[in-house]
Amino acid sequence: MSEPEKKGSPWPWFLVPVAAISLFFVLRECRQSLPPANTAPEAEAVPAAPGTAAPAESRPAEPDAAPASTPTPQ
């Protein structure tokens, strides 16, 4: 009355190592094609010239709308 042994599929034994090796090489290729972090464009860090006006997004609409730099004592 023993249960016959179930045979598993052999496909996972082939597919898992092949997928792991493929993923390793894909990720390695992606890492090599990325530029280093310290060579990012610095155009955003350049301050505006003194004669030009600041963009509308950086200026508050009203003086009251600007957040207070120091909290008020209570």
Protein backbone atom coordinates (compact mmCIF):
# COMPACT_ATOMS: atom_id res chain seq x y z
CA MET A 1 0.00 0.00 0.00
CA SER A 2 2.92 2.29 -0.47
CA GLU A 3 2.37 5.31 -2.67
CA PRO A 4 4.35 5.21 -5.93
CA GLU A 5 7.20 7.71 -6.08
CA LYS A 6 6.33 10.90 -7.94
CA LYS A 7 8.82 12.04 -10.51
CA GLY A 8 9.42 15.75 -10.81
CA SER A 9 10.06 17.61 -13.99
CA PRO A 10 13.72 18.00 -14.97
CA TRP A 11 13.12 21.43 -16.55
CA PRO A 12 13.69 23.50 -13.37
CA TRP A 13 17.12 21.88 -13.01
CA PHE A 14 18.06 23.31 -16.41
CA LEU A 15 16.12 26.57 -16.49
CA VAL A 16 17.08 27.99 -13.08
CA PRO A 17 20.89 27.88 -13.59
CA VAL A 18 20.54 29.17 -17.17
CA ALA A 19 18.33 32.06 -15.99
CA ALA A 20 20.72 32.89 -13.13
CA ILE A 21 23.77 32.97 -15.41
CA SER A 22 21.90 35.04 -18.00
CA LEU A 23 20.76 37.52 -15.36
CA PHE A 24 24.34 37.82 -14.08
CA PHE A 25 25.68 38.79 -17.50
CA VAL A 26 22.78 41.15 -18.25
CA LEU A 27 23.27 43.02 -14.97
CA ARG A 28 27.03 43.11 -15.44
CA GLU A 29 26.58 44.61 -18.90
CA CYS A 30 24.17 47.23 -17.53
CA ARG A 31 26.62 48.20 -14.80
CA GLN A 32 29.48 48.62 -17.26
CA SER A 33 27.44 50.79 -19.62
CA LEU A 34 26.35 53.28 -16.91
CA PRO A 35 28.48 56.41 -16.50
CA PRO A 36 30.06 57.03 -13.09
CA ALA A 37 27.96 59.08 -10.68
CA ASN A 38 30.53 61.92 -10.40
CA THR A 39 30.26 62.81 -14.12
CA ALA A 40 26.63 63.96 -13.91
CA PRO A 41 25.85 67.22 -15.71
CA GLU A 42 26.27 70.23 -13.44
CA ALA A 43 24.07 72.62 -15.41
CA GLU A 44 21.48 72.63 -12.62
CA ALA A 45 24.04 73.65 -9.99
CA VAL A 46 25.14 76.80 -11.87
CA PRO A 47 23.65 79.91 -10.20
CA ALA A 48 21.73 82.42 -12.31
CA ALA A 49 23.45 85.57 -13.49
CA PRO A 50 22.89 88.61 -11.23
CA GLY A 51 21.02 90.55 -13.93
CA THR A 52 18.43 87.83 -14.62
CA ALA A 53 15.24 87.34 -12.66
CA ALA A 54 14.58 84.17 -10.71
CA PRO A 55 12.06 81.73 -12.18
CA ALA A 56 8.44 82.15 -11.08
CA GLU A 57 8.41 78.76 -9.33
CA SER A 58 11.13 79.73 -6.86
CA ARG A 59 9.53 83.03 -5.80
CA PRO A 60 6.59 82.97 -3.36
CA ALA A 61 3.34 84.45 -4.69
CA GLU A 62 2.78 86.56 -1.56
CA PRO A 63 5.10 87.54 1.28
CA ASP A 64 2.72 85.89 3.76
CA ALA A 65 2.90 82.60 1.85
CA ALA A 66 6.65 82.22 2.51
CA PRO A 67 7.42 79.77 5.32
CA ALA A 68 8.93 81.26 8.44
CA SER A 69 12.59 80.46 8.91
CA THR A 70 12.39 80.40 12.71
CA PRO A 71 9.42 79.17 14.75
CA THR A 72 7.55 81.78 16.75
CA PRO A 73 7.76 81.40 20.56
CA GLN A 74 4.55 80.37 22.26
